[in-house]
Protein backbone atom coordinates (compact mmCIF):
# COMPACT_ATOMS: atom_id res chain seq x y z
CA MET A 1 -0.23 2.53 -139.28
CA THR A 2 -3.04 1.92 -141.74
CA LEU A 3 -2.64 -1.43 -143.46
CA LEU A 4 -4.84 -0.98 -146.50
CA PRO A 5 -4.37 -1.80 -150.18
CA PRO A 6 -3.84 0.92 -152.74
CA GLY A 7 -6.96 2.62 -154.05
CA GLY A 8 -8.80 3.50 -150.85
CA GLY A 9 -8.90 0.11 -149.18
CA ARG A 10 -11.33 -1.67 -151.51
CA PHE A 11 -10.90 -5.39 -152.08
CA ALA A 12 -12.24 -7.41 -155.01
CA THR A 13 -14.66 -9.49 -152.99
CA ARG A 14 -16.30 -11.19 -155.93
CA ALA A 15 -13.17 -12.51 -157.57
CA PRO A 16 -12.95 -16.26 -158.13
CA PHE A 17 -11.38 -18.33 -155.39
CA ALA A 18 -7.60 -18.26 -155.84
CA LEU A 19 -5.33 -21.21 -155.24
CA PRO A 20 -3.39 -19.51 -152.40
CA VAL A 21 -6.65 -18.82 -150.57
CA ALA A 22 -7.84 -22.38 -151.14
CA ILE A 23 -4.58 -23.69 -149.69
CA LEU A 24 -4.96 -21.39 -146.67
CA LEU A 25 -8.51 -22.63 -146.12
CA VAL A 26 -7.49 -26.29 -146.27
CA VAL A 27 -4.56 -25.76 -143.91
CA LEU A 28 -6.72 -23.91 -141.40
CA ALA A 29 -9.41 -26.58 -141.55
CA MET A 30 -6.83 -29.29 -140.86
CA LEU A 31 -5.34 -27.38 -137.95
CA LEU A 32 -8.66 -26.49 -136.39
CA SER A 33 -10.01 -30.01 -136.72
CA THR A 34 -6.97 -31.74 -135.24
CA GLY A 35 -5.98 -29.68 -132.23
CA LEU A 36 -7.89 -26.57 -131.15
CA ALA A 37 -7.29 -27.26 -127.50
CA ALA A 38 -3.58 -27.80 -128.16
CA ALA A 39 -2.86 -24.26 -129.31
CA HIS A 40 -0.41 -23.79 -126.47
CA ALA A 41 -0.10 -27.38 -125.35
CA VAL A 42 3.18 -29.24 -125.12
CA ALA A 43 3.41 -32.69 -126.72
CA GLU A 44 3.04 -35.63 -124.33
CA GLY A 45 6.66 -36.71 -124.77
CA ASP A 46 7.88 -33.17 -124.13
CA LYS A 47 5.52 -32.92 -121.16
CA GLY A 48 7.09 -35.99 -119.57
CA TYR A 49 10.57 -34.60 -120.16
CA ILE A 50 9.69 -31.28 -118.53
CA GLN A 51 8.21 -33.01 -115.50
CA GLU A 52 11.14 -35.36 -114.94
CA ILE A 53 14.28 -33.26 -115.40
CA TYR A 54 16.06 -31.11 -112.82
CA GLY A 55 18.85 -28.60 -113.21
CA VAL A 56 19.93 -26.53 -116.18
CA HIS A 57 19.27 -27.99 -119.65
CA LEU A 58 19.71 -25.12 -122.10
CA ILE A 59 19.80 -26.90 -125.47
CA PRO A 60 16.75 -29.14 -124.84
CA PHE A 61 14.70 -26.16 -123.70
CA MET A 62 15.78 -24.13 -126.71
CA TYR A 63 14.60 -26.99 -128.91
CA LEU A 64 11.25 -27.18 -127.08
CA GLY A 65 10.75 -23.43 -127.48
CA ALA A 66 11.47 -23.48 -131.20
CA LYS A 67 9.22 -26.51 -131.67
CA HIS A 68 6.38 -24.79 -129.87
CA MET A 69 6.53 -21.71 -132.06
CA VAL A 70 6.70 -23.46 -135.44
CA THR A 71 3.79 -25.74 -134.50
CA GLY A 72 1.67 -23.12 -132.71
CA TYR A 73 -0.94 -22.24 -135.32
CA ASP A 74 -2.43 -19.45 -133.21
CA HIS A 75 0.94 -17.68 -133.14
CA LEU A 76 1.40 -18.25 -136.86
CA LEU A 77 -2.06 -16.91 -137.73
CA PHE A 78 -1.42 -13.76 -135.74
CA LEU A 79 2.02 -13.30 -137.33
CA LEU A 80 0.49 -13.81 -140.77
CA GLY A 81 -2.05 -11.11 -140.00
CA VAL A 82 0.63 -8.75 -138.71
CA VAL A 83 2.84 -8.98 -141.81
CA PHE A 84 0.05 -9.38 -144.37
CA PHE A 85 0.35 -5.80 -145.65
CA LEU A 86 3.86 -5.01 -144.45
CA TYR A 87 6.40 -4.74 -147.25
CA ARG A 88 9.43 -3.01 -145.72
CA LEU A 89 11.76 -5.07 -143.55
CA GLN A 90 12.04 -2.14 -141.14
CA HIS A 91 8.29 -2.23 -140.48
CA ILE A 92 8.26 -6.02 -140.19
CA ALA A 93 11.13 -5.87 -137.68
CA ILE A 94 9.30 -3.32 -135.53
CA TYR A 95 6.06 -5.26 -135.32
CA VAL A 96 7.70 -8.65 -134.83
CA SER A 97 9.96 -7.20 -132.13
CA LEU A 98 6.96 -5.78 -130.27
CA PHE A 99 5.25 -9.16 -130.42
CA ALA A 100 8.43 -10.87 -129.21
CA ILE A 101 8.83 -8.45 -126.30
CA GLY A 102 5.26 -9.03 -125.18
CA HIS A 103 5.43 -12.79 -125.68
CA SER A 104 8.74 -13.16 -123.86
CA THR A 105 7.81 -10.96 -120.90
CA THR A 106 4.64 -12.74 -119.82
CA MET A 107 5.92 -16.22 -120.63
CA ILE A 108 8.94 -15.84 -118.34
CA LEU A 109 7.21 -13.86 -115.59
CA GLY A 110 4.09 -16.01 -115.70
CA VAL A 111 6.02 -19.22 -115.10
CA TYR A 112 8.58 -17.76 -112.71
CA TYR A 113 5.98 -16.17 -110.44
CA GLY A 114 3.34 -18.83 -110.97
CA TRP A 115 0.54 -16.64 -112.31
CA ASN A 116 -2.64 -18.68 -112.09
CA VAL A 117 -4.83 -17.72 -115.06
CA SER A 118 -7.47 -19.77 -116.88
CA ALA A 119 -5.92 -21.25 -120.02
CA TYR A 120 -9.34 -21.24 -121.69
CA LEU A 121 -9.82 -17.50 -121.22
CA ILE A 122 -6.28 -16.69 -122.32
CA ASP A 123 -6.63 -18.81 -125.47
CA ALA A 124 -9.97 -17.13 -126.19
CA ILE A 125 -8.22 -13.75 -126.05
CA ILE A 126 -5.54 -15.14 -128.37
CA GLY A 127 -8.31 -16.09 -130.78
CA LEU A 128 -9.56 -12.51 -130.42
CA SER A 129 -6.10 -11.27 -131.42
CA VAL A 130 -6.44 -13.13 -134.72
CA VAL A 131 -9.91 -11.65 -135.27
CA TYR A 132 -8.64 -8.16 -134.45
CA LYS A 133 -5.73 -8.37 -136.90
CA ALA A 134 -7.94 -9.66 -139.70
CA LEU A 135 -10.46 -6.84 -139.11
CA ASP A 136 -7.62 -4.34 -138.99
CA ASN A 137 -6.30 -5.62 -142.32
CA LEU A 138 -9.78 -5.29 -143.79
CA GLY A 139 -10.00 -1.66 -142.69
CA ALA A 140 -13.10 -2.46 -140.63
CA PHE A 141 -12.32 -0.11 -137.74
CA GLN A 142 -12.00 2.88 -140.03
CA ARG A 143 -15.25 2.10 -141.82
CA TRP A 144 -17.24 1.22 -138.71
CA PHE A 145 -15.89 3.66 -136.14
CA GLY A 146 -13.96 6.24 -138.15
CA PHE A 147 -10.60 5.70 -136.45
CA GLN A 148 -7.54 3.50 -136.76
CA PRO A 149 -6.39 1.69 -133.58
CA ASN A 150 -2.72 1.91 -132.66
CA THR A 151 -1.51 -1.26 -134.35
CA LYS A 152 1.89 -1.22 -132.65
CA LEU A 153 0.33 -1.01 -129.19
CA ALA A 154 -2.18 -3.73 -130.07
CA THR A 155 0.62 -6.03 -131.28
CA LEU A 156 2.49 -5.55 -127.99
CA ILE A 157 -0.61 -6.12 -125.85
CA PHE A 158 -1.67 -9.24 -127.71
CA GLY A 159 1.94 -10.43 -127.48
CA PHE A 160 1.51 -10.32 -123.69
CA PHE A 161 -1.48 -12.64 -123.96
CA HIS A 162 0.26 -15.04 -126.34
CA GLY A 163 3.11 -15.40 -123.85
CA LEU A 164 0.73 -15.82 -120.93
CA GLY A 165 -1.06 -18.56 -122.82
CA LEU A 166 2.14 -20.56 -123.02
CA ALA A 167 2.95 -19.85 -119.37
CA THR A 168 -0.37 -21.33 -118.24
CA LYS A 169 0.43 -24.58 -120.04
CA ILE A 170 3.97 -24.83 -118.72
CA LEU A 171 2.72 -24.28 -115.17
CA GLU A 172 0.39 -27.26 -115.56
CA TYR A 173 3.44 -29.51 -115.93
CA ASP A 174 5.05 -28.52 -112.60
CA ILE A 175 8.40 -27.57 -114.07
CA ALA A 176 11.24 -28.02 -111.54
CA GLN A 177 12.44 -24.93 -109.66
CA ASP A 178 16.03 -26.15 -109.92
CA GLY A 179 17.45 -24.35 -112.95
CA LEU A 180 14.07 -22.70 -113.66
CA LEU A 181 15.23 -19.27 -114.80
CA PRO A 182 18.05 -20.44 -117.13
CA ASN A 183 15.74 -23.05 -118.64
CA LEU A 184 12.99 -20.46 -119.18
CA LEU A 185 15.45 -18.08 -120.83
CA ALA A 186 16.68 -20.89 -123.08
CA PHE A 187 13.08 -21.81 -123.91
CA ASN A 188 12.40 -18.20 -124.82
CA VAL A 189 15.48 -18.06 -127.07
CA GLY A 190 14.14 -21.15 -128.81
CA VAL A 191 10.75 -19.50 -129.22
CA GLU A 192 12.35 -16.51 -130.90
CA ILE A 193 14.42 -18.76 -133.18
CA GLY A 194 11.26 -20.65 -134.10
CA GLN A 195 9.49 -17.36 -134.71
CA LEU A 196 12.21 -16.23 -137.11
CA ILE A 197 12.00 -19.55 -138.97
CA ALA A 198 8.21 -19.36 -139.21
CA LEU A 199 8.34 -15.69 -140.20
CA ALA A 200 10.85 -16.41 -142.96
CA MET A 201 8.57 -19.11 -144.38
CA ILE A 202 5.55 -16.78 -144.21
CA LEU A 203 7.42 -13.94 -145.91
CA ILE A 204 8.71 -16.20 -148.68
CA ALA A 205 5.20 -17.48 -149.40
CA MET A 206 3.74 -13.96 -149.20
CA GLY A 207 6.48 -12.63 -151.45
CA TYR A 208 5.56 -15.08 -154.21
CA TRP A 209 1.84 -14.46 -153.79
CA ARG A 210 2.22 -10.67 -153.85
CA ARG A 211 3.87 -10.90 -157.26
CA THR A 212 0.74 -12.47 -158.75
CA ALA A 213 -2.42 -10.73 -159.90
CA SER A 214 -4.45 -12.80 -157.47
CA PHE A 215 -3.07 -11.13 -154.33
CA TRP A 216 -5.21 -7.99 -154.30
CA LYS A 217 -8.16 -9.95 -155.69
CA HIS A 218 -8.15 -12.42 -152.82
CA ALA A 219 -6.59 -10.57 -149.88
CA TYR A 220 -10.11 -9.91 -148.60
CA THR A 221 -11.03 -13.60 -148.69
CA ALA A 222 -7.81 -14.63 -146.99
CA ASN A 223 -8.43 -12.25 -144.09
CA VAL A 224 -12.04 -13.36 -143.77
CA ILE A 225 -10.80 -16.95 -143.46
CA MET A 226 -8.29 -15.83 -140.85
CA MET A 227 -11.01 -13.98 -138.94
CA THR A 228 -13.27 -17.05 -139.07
CA ALA A 229 -10.52 -19.20 -137.62
CA GLY A 230 -10.16 -16.71 -134.78
CA PHE A 231 -13.88 -16.78 -134.03
CA VAL A 232 -13.88 -20.59 -134.03
CA LEU A 233 -10.99 -20.60 -131.57
CA ILE A 234 -12.80 -18.10 -129.33
CA GLY A 235 -15.98 -20.18 -129.36
CA TYR A 236 -14.15 -23.42 -128.67
CA GLN A 237 -12.21 -22.02 -125.73
CA LEU A 238 -15.20 -20.27 -124.16
CA THR A 239 -17.19 -23.48 -124.45
CA GLY A 240 -14.38 -25.32 -122.69
CA TYR A 241 -14.29 -22.67 -119.96
CA PHE A 242 -18.01 -23.01 -119.14
CA VAL A 243 -18.19 -26.78 -119.61
CA ALA A 244 -14.93 -27.91 -117.97
């Protein structure tokens, strides 16, 4: 599916800086300056809870899953990129479902089977997912290489990496085997609830912005900012991998 604006994919790159884009830039700067390494991390209080409890605790794990999603800026950036040029609810549902399937699969399997993967490398790939989606929105692949990647397949594949990123963090906290599978399933339900909440907020904001004249003028800038955030995340995580 080609996600390009009407009129052959050309953006008004020289338009003045719109307020929505300025807000996006400020929010990204705050997020990137206060917690790059915590993209998939669990808060210290939640970490202690995970380490100490045994048995089945469905509601607390649902809460933790929802909290993770609505505060995980890497997930939110990727979701923003996915729905940026999607207008029909049917299309949004397809892409979000593919992301959820990928995210859920590797999160549950990664923790249950104890997959040992470098969190730095996984988070770098997650940063790459943000870069990819921004470039896709900008039509870069068509201009540079003359073809359009399969966006549905890419969303599913990157969903696998997003889920694996969370699994690597949960494994660091030595979650108890007693009640592991029910707790993981509850956590995943919470993640999906959080995703729906975050998606609803994104769509409401995008809906208002799309009704203004500034949307097509500044869609290019917004995606460049998104791409920059992805590159910063990649660089930060790769630096951590080689330095740690």
